[in-house]
PDB file of N, CA and C in Angstrom:
ATOM      1  N   MET A   1       0.323  -1.330  -0.193  1.00  0.00           N
ATOM      2  CA  MET A   1       0.299  -0.148  -0.345  1.00  0.00           C
ATOM      3  C   MET A   1       1.116   0.906  -0.323  1.00  0.00           C
ATOM      4  N   GLY A   2       0.881   2.115  -1.138  1.00  0.00           N
ATOM      5  CA  GLY A   2       1.069   3.323  -0.843  1.00  0.00           C
ATOM      6  C   GLY A   2       0.660   4.387  -1.779  1.00  0.00           C
ATOM      7  N   LEU A   3       1.342   5.611  -1.710  1.00  0.00           N
ATOM      8  CA  LEU A   3       0.517   6.607  -2.521  1.00  0.00           C
ATOM      9  C   LEU A   3       1.221   6.562  -4.156  1.00  0.00           C
ATOM     10  N   SER A   4       0.403   6.634  -4.854  1.00  0.00           N
ATOM     11  CA  SER A   4       0.746   6.371  -5.944  1.00  0.00           C
ATOM     12  C   SER A   4       0.807   7.741  -6.783  1.00  0.00           C
ATOM     13  N   GLU A   5       2.141   7.824  -8.199  1.00  0.00           N
ATOM     14  CA  GLU A   5       2.205   8.993  -8.498  1.00  0.00           C
ATOM     15  C   GLU A   5       1.078   9.449  -9.886  1.00  0.00           C
ATOM     16  N   ASP A   6       0.513   8.201  -9.899  1.00  0.00           N
ATOM     17  CA  ASP A   6      -0.528   9.277 -11.047  1.00  0.00           C
ATOM     18  C   ASP A   6      -1.698   9.792 -10.824  1.00  0.00           C
ATOM     19  N   HIS A   7      -1.921  10.304 -10.176  1.00  0.00           N
ATOM     20  CA  HIS A   7      -3.224  11.107  -9.761  1.00  0.00           C
ATOM     21  C   HIS A   7      -3.591  12.389 -10.394  1.00  0.00           C
ATOM     22  N   GLU A   8      -4.154  12.920 -11.209  1.00  0.00           N
ATOM     23  CA  GLU A   8      -3.989  14.158 -11.367  1.00  0.00           C
ATOM     24  C   GLU A   8      -3.943  14.978 -10.430  1.00  0.00           C
ATOM     25  N   ILE A   9      -3.271  16.050 -11.120  1.00  0.00           N
ATOM     26  CA  ILE A   9      -3.348  17.085 -10.119  1.00  0.00           C
ATOM     27  C   ILE A   9      -4.451  18.096 -10.830  1.00  0.00           C
ATOM     28  N   VAL A  10      -5.247  18.444  -9.688  1.00  0.00           N
ATOM     29  CA  VAL A  10      -6.593  19.965  -9.358  1.00  0.00           C
ATOM     30  C   VAL A  10      -6.006  20.891  -9.006  1.00  0.00           C
ATOM     31  N   PHE A  11      -6.903  22.204  -9.317  1.00  0.00           N
ATOM     32  CA  PHE A  11      -6.918  22.883  -7.976  1.00  0.00           C
ATOM     33  C   PHE A  11      -8.147  22.639  -7.058  1.00  0.00           C
ATOM     34  N   THR A  12      -8.126  23.015  -5.898  1.00  0.00           N
ATOM     35  CA  THR A  12      -8.320  22.779  -4.742  1.00  0.00           C
ATOM     36  C   THR A  12      -8.711  23.467  -3.679  1.00  0.00           C
ATOM     37  N   PRO A  13      -9.864  23.395  -2.726  1.00  0.00           N
ATOM     38  CA  PRO A  13      -9.490  24.508  -1.851  1.00  0.00           C
ATOM     39  C   PRO A  13      -8.157  24.327  -1.114  1.00  0.00           C
ATOM     40  N   GLY A  14      -8.230  22.551  -0.400  1.00  0.00           N
ATOM     41  CA  GLY A  14      -6.726  22.588  -0.007  1.00  0.00           C
ATOM     42  C   GLY A  14      -7.202  22.574   1.726  1.00  0.00           C
ATOM     43  N   ASP A  15      -8.817  22.293   1.989  1.00  0.00           N
ATOM     44  CA  ASP A  15      -9.216  22.533   3.742  1.00  0.00           C
ATOM     45  C   ASP A  15     -10.963  22.484   3.564  1.00  0.00           C
ATOM     46  N   ILE A  16     -10.935  21.559   2.433  1.00  0.00           N
ATOM     47  CA  ILE A  16     -12.655  20.882   2.633  1.00  0.00           C
ATOM     48  C   ILE A  16     -13.010  20.436   4.422  1.00  0.00           C
ATOM     49  N   ALA A  17     -13.765  21.818   5.363  1.00  0.00           N
ATOM     50  CA  ALA A  17     -13.889  20.661   6.407  1.00  0.00           C
ATOM     51  C   ALA A  17     -15.666  21.450   6.303  1.00  0.00           C
ATOM     52  N   ALA A  18     -16.129  21.021   7.428  1.00  0.00           N
ATOM     53  CA  ALA A  18     -17.805  21.246   8.111  1.00  0.00           C
ATOM     54  C   ALA A  18     -17.481  22.516   8.249  1.00  0.00           C
ATOM     55  N   ARG A  19     -16.344  23.448   8.765  1.00  0.00           N
ATOM     56  CA  ARG A  19     -16.453  24.701   9.279  1.00  0.00           C
ATOM     57  C   ARG A  19     -16.222  25.621   8.111  1.00  0.00           C
ATOM     58  N   ASN A  20     -15.951  25.024   7.099  1.00  0.00           N
ATOM     59  CA  ASN A  20     -15.761  26.300   5.270  1.00  0.00           C
ATOM     60  C   ASN A  20     -17.015  25.639   4.034  1.00  0.00           C
ATOM     61  N   ILE A  21     -17.841  25.020   4.605  1.00  0.00           N
ATOM     62  CA  ILE A  21     -18.971  24.769   4.293  1.00  0.00           C
ATOM     63  C   ILE A  21     -20.208  25.381   4.344  1.00  0.00           C
ATOM     64  N   LEU A  22     -20.613  26.617   2.860  1.00  0.00           N
ATOM     65  CA  LEU A  22     -21.717  27.146   3.820  1.00  0.00           C
ATOM     66  C   LEU A  22     -23.001  26.542   3.096  1.00  0.00           C
ATOM     67  N   ILE A  23     -24.044  26.306   3.799  1.00  0.00           N
ATOM     68  CA  ILE A  23     -25.393  25.212   3.680  1.00  0.00           C
ATOM     69  C   ILE A  23     -26.309  26.340   3.494  1.00  0.00           C
ATOM     70  N   ARG A  24     -26.923  25.971   2.052  1.00  0.00           N
ATOM     71  CA  ARG A  24     -28.743  26.953   2.030  1.00  0.00           C
ATOM     72  C   ARG A  24     -29.495  25.745   1.716  1.00  0.00           C
ATOM     73  N   GLU A  25     -30.899  25.527   2.566  1.00  0.00           N
ATOM     74  CA  GLU A  25     -32.005  24.850   1.728  1.00  0.00           C
ATOM     75  C   GLU A  25     -31.175  23.535   1.449  1.00  0.00           C
ATOM     76  N   GLY A  26     -30.531  22.815   2.326  1.00  0.00           N
ATOM     77  CA  GLY A  26     -30.019  20.956   1.980  1.00  0.00           C
ATOM     78  C   GLY A  26     -28.992  21.125   1.087  1.00  0.00           C
ATOM     79  N   ARG A  27     -28.523  22.854   0.045  1.00  0.00           N
ATOM     80  CA  ARG A  27     -27.401  22.000  -0.480  1.00  0.00           C
ATOM     81  C   ARG A  27     -26.463  23.114  -0.065  1.00  0.00           C
ATOM     82  N   ILE A  28     -25.020  22.364  -0.944  1.00  0.00           N
ATOM     83  CA  ILE A  28     -24.079  23.730  -0.402  1.00  0.00           C
ATOM     84  C   ILE A  28     -24.256  24.704  -1.851  1.00  0.00           C
ATOM     85  N   ALA A  29     -24.041  25.887  -0.846  1.00  0.00           N
ATOM     86  CA  ALA A  29     -24.237  27.205  -1.518  1.00  0.00           C
ATOM     87  C   ALA A  29     -22.394  27.664  -1.531  1.00  0.00           C
ATOM     88  N   ALA A  30     -21.929  27.177  -0.475  1.00  0.00           N
ATOM     89  CA  ALA A  30     -20.548  28.132  -0.720  1.00  0.00           C
ATOM     90  C   ALA A  30     -19.200  27.251  -0.456  1.00  0.00           C
ATOM     91  N   ILE A  31     -17.772  27.665  -0.798  1.00  0.00           N
ATOM     92  CA  ILE A  31     -17.194  27.053   0.091  1.00  0.00           C
ATOM     93  C   ILE A  31     -16.437  28.383   0.495  1.00  0.00           C
ATOM     94  N   ILE A  32     -15.570  28.290   1.461  1.00  0.00           N
ATOM     95  CA  ILE A  32     -15.175  29.280   1.642  1.00  0.00           C
ATOM     96  C   ILE A  32     -13.730  29.241   2.902  1.00  0.00           C
ATOM     97  N   ASP A  33     -12.855  30.059   3.265  1.00  0.00           N
ATOM     98  CA  ASP A  33     -11.347  30.253   3.232  1.00  0.00           C
ATOM     99  C   ASP A  33     -11.104  29.416   2.247  1.00  0.00           C
ATOM    100  N   TRP A  34     -10.446  29.714   1.648  1.00  0.00           N
ATOM    101  CA  TRP A  34      -9.102  29.430   0.963  1.00  0.00           C
ATOM    102  C   TRP A  34      -7.802  29.766   0.763  1.00  0.00           C
ATOM    103  N   GLU A  35      -7.907  29.901   1.803  1.00  0.00           N
ATOM    104  CA  GLU A  35      -6.046  30.528   1.983  1.00  0.00           C
ATOM    105  C   GLU A  35      -5.361  28.932   1.839  1.00  0.00           C
ATOM    106  N   PHE A  36      -5.476  27.857   1.744  1.00  0.00           N
ATOM    107  CA  PHE A  36      -4.855  26.359   1.854  1.00  0.00           C
ATOM    108  C   PHE A  36      -4.754  26.111   0.228  1.00  0.00           C
ATOM    109  N   ALA A  37      -5.517  27.124  -0.676  1.00  0.00           N
ATOM    110  CA  ALA A  37      -5.735  26.103  -1.976  1.00  0.00           C
ATOM    111  C   ALA A  37      -4.439  26.341  -2.663  1.00  0.00           C
ATOM    112  N   GLY A  38      -4.613  25.379  -3.820  1.00  0.00           N
ATOM    113  CA  GLY A  38      -3.441  25.044  -4.306  1.00  0.00           C
ATOM    114  C   GLY A  38      -3.801  23.942  -5.489  1.00  0.00           C
ATOM    115  N   TRP A  39      -2.179  23.769  -5.959  1.00  0.00           N
ATOM    116  CA  TRP A  39      -2.745  22.422  -7.203  1.00  0.00           C
ATOM    117  C   TRP A  39      -2.237  21.498  -6.209  1.00  0.00           C
ATOM    118  N   TYR A  40      -2.622  20.499  -6.216  1.00  0.00           N
ATOM    119  CA  TYR A  40      -2.611  19.017  -5.222  1.00  0.00           C
ATOM    120  C   TYR A  40      -3.309  17.583  -6.010  1.00  0.00           C
ATOM    121  N   PRO A  41      -2.910  16.273  -5.455  1.00  0.00           N
ATOM    122  CA  PRO A  41      -3.461  15.432  -5.740  1.00  0.00           C
ATOM    123  C   PRO A  41      -4.971  15.120  -6.210  1.00  0.00           C
ATOM    124  N   ALA A  42      -5.433  14.312  -7.048  1.00  0.00           N
ATOM    125  CA  ALA A  42      -6.714  14.392  -7.020  1.00  0.00           C
ATOM    126  C   ALA A  42      -7.401  13.936  -5.723  1.00  0.00           C
ATOM    127  N   TYR A  43      -6.389  13.145  -4.981  1.00  0.00           N
ATOM    128  CA  TYR A  43      -7.328  12.794  -4.044  1.00  0.00           C
ATOM    129  C   TYR A  43      -7.058  13.504  -2.020  1.00  0.00           C
ATOM    130  N   TRP A  44      -6.365  14.600  -2.927  1.00  0.00           N
ATOM    131  CA  TRP A  44      -6.147  15.360  -1.445  1.00  0.00           C
ATOM    132  C   TRP A  44      -7.315  15.763  -0.575  1.00  0.00           C
ATOM    133  N   GLU A  45      -8.573  15.796  -1.078  1.00  0.00           N
ATOM    134  CA  GLU A  45      -9.728  17.100  -0.444  1.00  0.00           C
ATOM    135  C   GLU A  45     -10.292  15.555  -0.119  1.00  0.00           C
ATOM    136  N   TYR A  46     -10.450  14.765  -0.599  1.00  0.00           N
ATOM    137  CA  TYR A  46     -10.708  13.639   0.395  1.00  0.00           C
ATOM    138  C   TYR A  46     -10.412  12.634   1.614  1.00  0.00           C
ATOM    139  N   VAL A  47      -8.778  12.630   1.537  1.00  0.00           N
ATOM    140  CA  VAL A  47      -8.412  12.475   2.281  1.00  0.00           C
ATOM    141  C   VAL A  47      -8.020  13.087   3.300  1.00  0.00           C
ATOM    142  N   PHE A  48      -8.014  14.401   3.567  1.00  0.00           N
ATOM    143  CA  PHE A  48      -7.882  15.306   4.643  1.00  0.00           C
ATOM    144  C   PHE A  48      -9.308  15.622   5.424  1.00  0.00           C
ATOM    145  N   ALA A  49     -10.226  15.685   4.295  1.00  0.00           N
ATOM    146  CA  ALA A  49     -11.823  15.970   4.605  1.00  0.00           C
ATOM    147  C   ALA A  49     -12.076  14.691   5.806  1.00  0.00           C
ATOM    148  N   LEU A  50     -11.355  13.579   5.004  1.00  0.00           N
ATOM    149  CA  LEU A  50     -12.042  12.158   6.319  1.00  0.00           C
ATOM    150  C   LEU A  50     -11.215  12.426   7.421  1.00  0.00           C
ATOM    151  N   ARG A  51      -9.987  13.134   7.886  1.00  0.00           N
ATOM    152  CA  ARG A  51      -9.126  12.631   8.652  1.00  0.00           C
ATOM    153  C   ARG A  51     -10.029  13.002  10.697  1.00  0.00           C
ATOM    154  N   GLY A  52     -10.847  14.430   9.896  1.00  0.00           N
ATOM    155  CA  GLY A  52     -11.663  15.467  10.388  1.00  0.00           C
ATOM    156  C   GLY A  52     -13.026  14.601  10.773  1.00  0.00           C
ATOM    157  N   LEU A  53     -13.378  13.666  10.430  1.00  0.00           N
ATOM    158  CA  LEU A  53     -14.543  13.450  10.222  1.00  0.00           C
ATOM    159  C   LEU A  53     -15.239  12.418  11.688  1.00  0.00           C
ATOM    160  N   ASP A  54     -14.105  12.477  12.688  1.00  0.00           N
ATOM    161  CA  ASP A  54     -14.587  11.945  13.905  1.00  0.00           C
ATOM    162  C   ASP A  54     -15.512  12.972  15.102  1.00  0.00           C
ATOM    163  N   ASN A  55     -14.816  14.334  14.857  1.00  0.00           N
ATOM    164  CA  ASN A  55     -15.466  15.107  15.112  1.00  0.00           C
ATOM    165  C   ASN A  55     -16.038  16.466  14.832  1.00  0.00           C
ATOM    166  N   VAL A  56     -17.307  15.702  13.619  1.00  0.00           N
ATOM    167  CA  VAL A  56     -18.406  16.077  12.995  1.00  0.00           C
ATOM    168  C   VAL A  56     -19.270  15.566  12.575  1.00  0.00           C
ATOM    169  N   ASP A  57     -20.289  16.276  12.838  1.00  0.00           N
ATOM    170  CA  ASP A  57     -21.935  15.423  12.297  1.00  0.00           C
ATOM    171  C   ASP A  57     -21.577  15.930  10.794  1.00  0.00           C
ATOM    172  N   TRP A  58     -21.703  15.381  10.020  1.00  0.00           N
ATOM    173  CA  TRP A  58     -21.986  15.967   8.658  1.00  0.00           C
ATOM    174  C   TRP A  58     -23.228  15.696   8.404  1.00  0.00           C
ATOM    175  N   ASN A  59     -24.015  15.180   8.890  1.00  0.00           N
ATOM    176  CA  ASN A  59     -25.314  15.047   8.116  1.00  0.00           C
ATOM    177  C   ASN A  59     -26.277  15.646   9.151  1.00  0.00           C
ATOM    178  N   THR A  60     -25.661  16.552  10.244  1.00  0.00           N
ATOM    179  CA  THR A  60     -26.164  18.372  10.883  1.00  0.00           C
ATOM    180  C   THR A  60     -26.301  19.314   9.773  1.00  0.00           C
ATOM    181  N   LEU A  61     -25.251  18.910   8.755  1.00  0.00           N
ATOM    182  CA  LEU A  61     -24.732  19.859   7.944  1.00  0.00           C
ATOM    183  C   LEU A  61     -26.179  19.586   6.582  1.00  0.00           C
ATOM    184  N   GLY A  62     -26.710  18.505   6.545  1.00  0.00           N
ATOM    185  CA  GLY A  62     -27.104  18.627   5.434  1.00  0.00           C
ATOM    186  C   GLY A  62     -26.954  17.918   4.026  1.00  0.00           C
ATOM    187  N   THR A  63     -25.519  17.313   4.746  1.00  0.00           N
ATOM    188  CA  THR A  63     -24.604  16.793   3.286  1.00  0.00           C
ATOM    189  C   THR A  63     -24.199  15.404   4.017  1.00  0.00           C
ATOM    190  N   GLN A  64     -23.476  14.228   3.510  1.00  0.00           N
ATOM    191  CA  GLN A  64     -22.763  13.556   3.721  1.00  0.00           C
ATOM    192  C   GLN A  64     -21.423  13.516   3.015  1.00  0.00           C
ATOM    193  N   VAL A  65     -20.291  13.014   3.826  1.00  0.00           N
ATOM    194  CA  VAL A  65     -19.231  13.535   3.153  1.00  0.00           C
ATOM    195  C   VAL A  65     -18.790  12.338   1.304  1.00  0.00           C
ATOM    196  N   PRO A  66     -19.707  11.268   1.272  1.00  0.00           N
ATOM    197  CA  PRO A  66     -19.599  10.781  -0.586  1.00  0.00           C
ATOM    198  C   PRO A  66     -20.600  11.825  -1.036  1.00  0.00           C
ATOM    199  N   SER A  67     -21.515  12.598  -0.595  1.00  0.00           N
ATOM    200  CA  SER A  67     -22.312  13.396  -1.612  1.00  0.00           C
ATOM    201  C   SER A  67     -20.970  14.436  -2.304  1.00  0.00           C
ATOM    202  N   LEU A  68     -19.745  14.586  -1.597  1.00  0.00           N
ATOM    203  CA  LEU A  68     -19.180  15.592  -1.600  1.00  0.00           C
ATOM    204  C   LEU A  68     -18.325  15.343  -2.486  1.00  0.00           C
ATOM    205  N   PHE A  69     -17.740  14.012  -2.953  1.00  0.00           N
ATOM    206  CA  PHE A  69     -16.913  13.662  -3.383  1.00  0.00           C
ATOM    207  C   PHE A  69     -17.274  12.617  -4.972  1.00  0.00           C
ATOM    208  N   GLU A  70     -17.358  13.312  -5.735  1.00  0.00           N
ATOM    209  CA  GLU A  70     -17.492  12.296  -7.117  1.00  0.00           C
ATOM    210  C   GLU A  70     -16.621  10.593  -6.718  1.00  0.00           C
ATOM    211  N   GLU A  71     -15.492  11.371  -6.636  1.00  0.00           N
ATOM    212  CA  GLU A  71     -14.959   9.810  -6.577  1.00  0.00           C
ATOM    213  C   GLU A  71     -14.126   9.327  -4.936  1.00  0.00           C
ATOM    214  N   LYS A  72     -13.743   8.381  -4.497  1.00  0.00           N
ATOM    215  CA  LYS A  72     -13.571   7.924  -3.413  1.00  0.00           C
ATOM    216  C   LYS A  72     -11.848   6.976  -3.307  1.00  0.00           C
ATOM    217  N   TYR A  73     -11.359   7.601  -2.424  1.00  0.00           N
ATOM    218  CA  TYR A  73      -9.982   7.315  -2.572  1.00  0.00           C
ATOM    219  C   TYR A  73      -9.548   6.701  -1.572  1.00  0.00           C
ATOM    220  N   ASP A  74     -10.374   5.682  -0.484  1.00  0.00           N
ATOM    221  CA  ASP A  74     -10.179   4.930   0.289  1.00  0.00           C
ATOM    222  C   ASP A  74      -8.451   4.550   0.950  1.00  0.00           C
ATOM    223  N   GLN A  75      -7.725   3.988  -0.262  1.00  0.00           N
ATOM    224  CA  GLN A  75      -6.635   3.974  -0.350  1.00  0.00           C
ATOM    225  C   GLN A  75      -5.545   4.956   0.313  1.00  0.00           C
ATOM    226  N   GLN A  76      -5.649   5.650  -0.477  1.00  0.00           N
ATOM    227  CA  GLN A  76      -4.702   7.073  -0.316  1.00  0.00           C
ATOM    228  C   GLN A  76      -4.932   7.702   1.046  1.00  0.00           C
ATOM    229  N   TYR A  77      -6.526   7.230   1.661  1.00  0.00           N
ATOM    230  CA  TYR A  77      -6.381   7.939   3.219  1.00  0.00           C
ATOM    231  C   TYR A  77      -5.638   6.700   4.243  1.00  0.00           C
ATOM    232  N   LEU A  78      -6.025   6.139   3.808  1.00  0.00           N
ATOM    233  CA  LEU A  78      -4.947   4.717   4.507  1.00  0.00           C
ATOM    234  C   LEU A  78      -3.404   4.945   4.343  1.00  0.00           C
ATOM    235  N   ALA A  79      -2.933   5.143   3.454  1.00  0.00           N
ATOM    236  CA  ALA A  79      -2.143   5.784   2.835  1.00  0.00           C
ATOM    237  C   ALA A  79      -1.217   6.663   3.937  1.00  0.00           C
ATOM    238  N   VAL A  80      -2.572   7.950   3.511  1.00  0.00           N
ATOM    239  CA  VAL A  80      -1.886   9.089   4.671  1.00  0.00           C
ATOM    240  C   VAL A  80      -2.090   9.270   6.024  1.00  0.00           C
ATOM    241  N   ARG A  81      -3.542   8.026   6.414  1.00  0.00           N
ATOM    242  CA  ARG A  81      -3.099   8.204   8.187  1.00  0.00           C
ATOM    243  C   ARG A  81      -2.005   7.292   8.328  1.00  0.00           C
ATOM    244  N   PHE A  82      -1.272   6.230   7.494  1.00  0.00           N
ATOM    245  CA  PHE A  82      -0.298   5.183   8.225  1.00  0.00           C
ATOM    246  C   PHE A  82       0.453   6.314   8.541  1.00  0.00           C
ATOM    247  N   ILE A  83       1.120   6.740   7.359  1.00  0.00           N
ATOM    248  CA  ILE A  83       2.705   8.069   7.773  1.00  0.00           C
ATOM    249  C   ILE A  83       2.359   8.984   8.403  1.00  0.00           C
ATOM    250  N   LEU A  84       1.247   9.463   8.585  1.00  0.00           N
ATOM    251  CA  LEU A  84       0.880  10.539   9.696  1.00  0.00           C
ATOM    252  C   LEU A  84       0.805  10.045  10.951  1.00  0.00           C
ATOM    253  N   SER A  85       0.454   8.779  11.079  1.00  0.00           N
ATOM    254  CA  SER A  85       0.938   7.910  12.486  1.00  0.00           C
ATOM    255  C   SER A  85       2.350   7.846  13.187  1.00  0.00           C
ATOM    256  N   LEU A  86       3.327   7.903  12.533  1.00  0.00           N
ATOM    257  CA  LEU A  86       3.999   7.958  12.196  1.00  0.00           C
ATOM    258  C   LEU A  86       5.002   8.730  13.214  1.00  0.00           C
ATOM    259  N   SER A  87       4.590   9.631  12.764  1.00  0.00           N
ATOM    260  CA  SER A  87       5.204  11.561  13.457  1.00  0.00           C
ATOM    261  C   SER A  87       4.692  12.030  14.761  1.00  0.00           C
TER     262      SER A  87
END
């Protein structure tokens, strides 16, 4: 298991978290806080959004994590989680 280098590089907010998602009428109206925006591997937002799930009630926000992401990157999440546990 590891992080492959064949992922598309995309422009992304860099910090998708519940506190940065504005909801209106049960739908995502805006994403705020773009200070960490940049060019990252396609899995970046998925992996780092999952890292904070234990402390967030996404259903209260009117959304669920799978609906935020078109593609899932569970293998990359596990690899990053392992790498970060070493430090």
